[in-house]
Amino acid sequence: MKREYENKITNTLNELTLLEKEQKELRKKFKDYNGAGERMATINSKETLTTELAEQLIDKVLVYNDKRVDVFFSFDDNKKRGDNVE
C-alpha cells in the first residue's frame, strides 16, 4: 500500500511539473499576443507607413540576387515562413 501511495505521489509531481511548464508557455504566448494587440491598435490609427511602424511590423527582409524578396512579419505565428514577393 505504501508503494502505491509513493507511485501516486511521484505521478502527481510529474504531472505538476508538466502543468507548470505548460503554464509558463501559455503566459509567454499571452504576453506575445497582448503585445501584438497593443501594436495593432497603434497600427490601426496610422494612415502612412512610418519608420517606427515598419519596425513594429517587420521582423526582417531578405533580398536575393534573383530579385526575390522574403518579408518576415513580427506578428506572424510562424516567423520561419517568409512571404515571398517577386
C-alpha atoms as a PDB file:
ATOM      1  CA  MET A   1       0.000   0.000   0.000  1.00  0.00           C
ATOM      2  CA  LYS A   2       2.883   2.348   0.806  1.00  0.00           C
ATOM      3  CA  ARG A   3       4.394   1.752  -2.631  1.00  0.00           C
ATOM      4  CA  GLU A   4       1.042   2.536  -4.245  1.00  0.00           C
ATOM      5  CA  TYR A   5       0.923   5.923  -2.485  1.00  0.00           C
ATOM      6  CA  GLU A   6       4.526   6.633  -3.388  1.00  0.00           C
ATOM      7  CA  ASN A   7       3.707   5.927  -7.048  1.00  0.00           C
ATOM      8  CA  LYS A   8       0.688   8.240  -6.868  1.00  0.00           C
ATOM      9  CA  ILE A   9       2.821  10.975  -5.334  1.00  0.00           C
ATOM     10  CA  THR A  10       5.503  10.543  -7.999  1.00  0.00           C
ATOM     11  CA  ASN A  11       2.918  10.611 -10.793  1.00  0.00           C
ATOM     12  CA  THR A  12       1.251  13.681  -9.323  1.00  0.00           C
ATOM     13  CA  LEU A  13       4.593  15.503  -9.034  1.00  0.00           C
ATOM     14  CA  ASN A  14       5.436  14.630 -12.642  1.00  0.00           C
ATOM     15  CA  GLU A  15       2.048  15.904 -13.774  1.00  0.00           C
ATOM     16  CA  LEU A  16       2.554  19.092 -11.746  1.00  0.00           C
ATOM     17  CA  THR A  17       5.909  19.676 -13.449  1.00  0.00           C
ATOM     18  CA  LEU A  18       4.309  19.288 -16.879  1.00  0.00           C
ATOM     19  CA  LEU A  19       1.462  21.634 -15.960  1.00  0.00           C
ATOM     20  CA  GLU A  20       3.892  24.262 -14.660  1.00  0.00           C
ATOM     21  CA  LYS A  21       5.831  24.071 -17.923  1.00  0.00           C
ATOM     22  CA  GLU A  22       2.605  24.440 -19.921  1.00  0.00           C
ATOM     23  CA  GLN A  23       1.560  27.380 -17.739  1.00  0.00           C
ATOM     24  CA  LYS A  24       4.888  29.108 -18.404  1.00  0.00           C
ATOM     25  CA  GLU A  25       4.460  28.629 -22.174  1.00  0.00           C
ATOM     26  CA  LEU A  26       0.893  29.944 -22.049  1.00  0.00           C
ATOM     27  CA  ARG A  27       1.985  33.036 -20.103  1.00  0.00           C
ATOM     28  CA  LYS A  28       4.632  33.749 -22.739  1.00  0.00           C
ATOM     29  CA  LYS A  29       2.085  33.345 -25.548  1.00  0.00           C
ATOM     30  CA  PHE A  30      -0.343  35.620 -23.718  1.00  0.00           C
ATOM     31  CA  LYS A  31       2.357  38.249 -23.319  1.00  0.00           C
ATOM     32  CA  ASP A  32       3.217  37.993 -27.030  1.00  0.00           C
ATOM     33  CA  TYR A  33      -0.429  38.188 -28.137  1.00  0.00           C
ATOM     34  CA  ASN A  34      -1.199  41.016 -25.735  1.00  0.00           C
ATOM     35  CA  GLY A  35       1.759  42.993 -27.110  1.00  0.00           C
ATOM     36  CA  ALA A  36       0.615  42.267 -30.649  1.00  0.00           C
ATOM     37  CA  GLY A  37      -2.847  43.566 -29.813  1.00  0.00           C
ATOM     38  CA  GLU A  38      -1.405  46.801 -28.485  1.00  0.00           C
ATOM     39  CA  ARG A  39       0.734  47.184 -31.613  1.00  0.00           C
ATOM     40  CA  MET A  40      -2.277  46.510 -33.839  1.00  0.00           C
ATOM     41  CA  ALA A  41      -4.285  49.192 -32.033  1.00  0.00           C
ATOM     42  CA  THR A  42      -1.487  51.648 -32.768  1.00  0.00           C
ATOM     43  CA  ILE A  43      -1.221  50.481 -36.368  1.00  0.00           C
ATOM     44  CA  ASN A  44      -4.951  50.839 -36.998  1.00  0.00           C
ATOM     45  CA  SER A  45      -4.747  54.540 -36.176  1.00  0.00           C
ATOM     46  CA  LYS A  46      -1.971  55.157 -38.737  1.00  0.00           C
ATOM     47  CA  GLU A  47      -2.587  56.024 -42.374  1.00  0.00           C
ATOM     48  CA  THR A  48       1.003  56.142 -43.639  1.00  0.00           C
ATOM     49  CA  LEU A  49       3.901  53.762 -43.223  1.00  0.00           C
ATOM     50  CA  THR A  50       6.492  55.370 -40.989  1.00  0.00           C
ATOM     51  CA  THR A  51       9.892  54.003 -39.993  1.00  0.00           C
ATOM     52  CA  GLU A  52       8.531  53.351 -36.498  1.00  0.00           C
ATOM     53  CA  LEU A  53       5.549  51.454 -37.878  1.00  0.00           C
ATOM     54  CA  ALA A  54       7.730  49.411 -40.262  1.00  0.00           C
ATOM     55  CA  GLU A  55       9.994  48.467 -37.342  1.00  0.00           C
ATOM     56  CA  GLN A  56       6.958  47.228 -35.406  1.00  0.00           C
ATOM     57  CA  LEU A  57       5.519  45.260 -38.324  1.00  0.00           C
ATOM     58  CA  ILE A  58       8.579  43.765 -39.999  1.00  0.00           C
ATOM     59  CA  ASP A  59      10.969  41.367 -38.299  1.00  0.00           C
ATOM     60  CA  LYS A  60      13.377  41.049 -41.234  1.00  0.00           C
ATOM     61  CA  VAL A  61      13.626  41.315 -45.009  1.00  0.00           C
ATOM     62  CA  LEU A  62      15.798  39.054 -47.153  1.00  0.00           C
ATOM     63  CA  VAL A  63      16.709  40.225 -50.673  1.00  0.00           C
ATOM     64  CA  TYR A  64      18.145  37.681 -53.102  1.00  0.00           C
ATOM     65  CA  ASN A  65      20.317  38.147 -56.213  1.00  0.00           C
ATOM     66  CA  ASP A  66      17.481  36.933 -58.448  1.00  0.00           C
ATOM     67  CA  LYS A  67      15.331  39.880 -57.218  1.00  0.00           C
ATOM     68  CA  ARG A  68      13.187  37.782 -54.876  1.00  0.00           C
ATOM     69  CA  VAL A  69      12.320  39.301 -51.501  1.00  0.00           C
ATOM     70  CA  ASP A  70      11.188  37.478 -48.345  1.00  0.00           C
ATOM     71  CA  VAL A  71       9.437  39.586 -45.726  1.00  0.00           C
ATOM     72  CA  PHE A  72       9.157  38.167 -42.203  1.00  0.00           C
ATOM     73  CA  PHE A  73       6.474  39.926 -40.183  1.00  0.00           C
ATOM     74  CA  SER A  74       6.876  40.315 -36.432  1.00  0.00           C
ATOM     75  CA  PHE A  75       3.266  39.352 -35.728  1.00  0.00           C
ATOM     76  CA  ASP A  76       3.484  36.048 -37.631  1.00  0.00           C
ATOM     77  CA  ASP A  77       2.986  32.924 -35.514  1.00  0.00           C
ATOM     78  CA  ASN A  78       5.433  31.122 -37.760  1.00  0.00           C
ATOM     79  CA  LYS A  79       8.372  33.515 -38.093  1.00  0.00           C
ATOM     80  CA  LYS A  80      10.292  30.987 -40.167  1.00  0.00           C
ATOM     81  CA  ARG A  81       7.847  31.479 -43.040  1.00  0.00           C
ATOM     82  CA  GLY A  82       8.505  34.488 -45.189  1.00  0.00           C
ATOM     83  CA  ASP A  83       6.048  35.984 -47.621  1.00  0.00           C
ATOM     84  CA  ASN A  84       7.827  35.788 -50.955  1.00  0.00           C
ATOM     85  CA  VAL A  85       7.406  38.869 -53.130  1.00  0.00           C
ATOM     86  CA  GLU A  86       8.681  38.994 -56.697  1.00  0.00           C
END
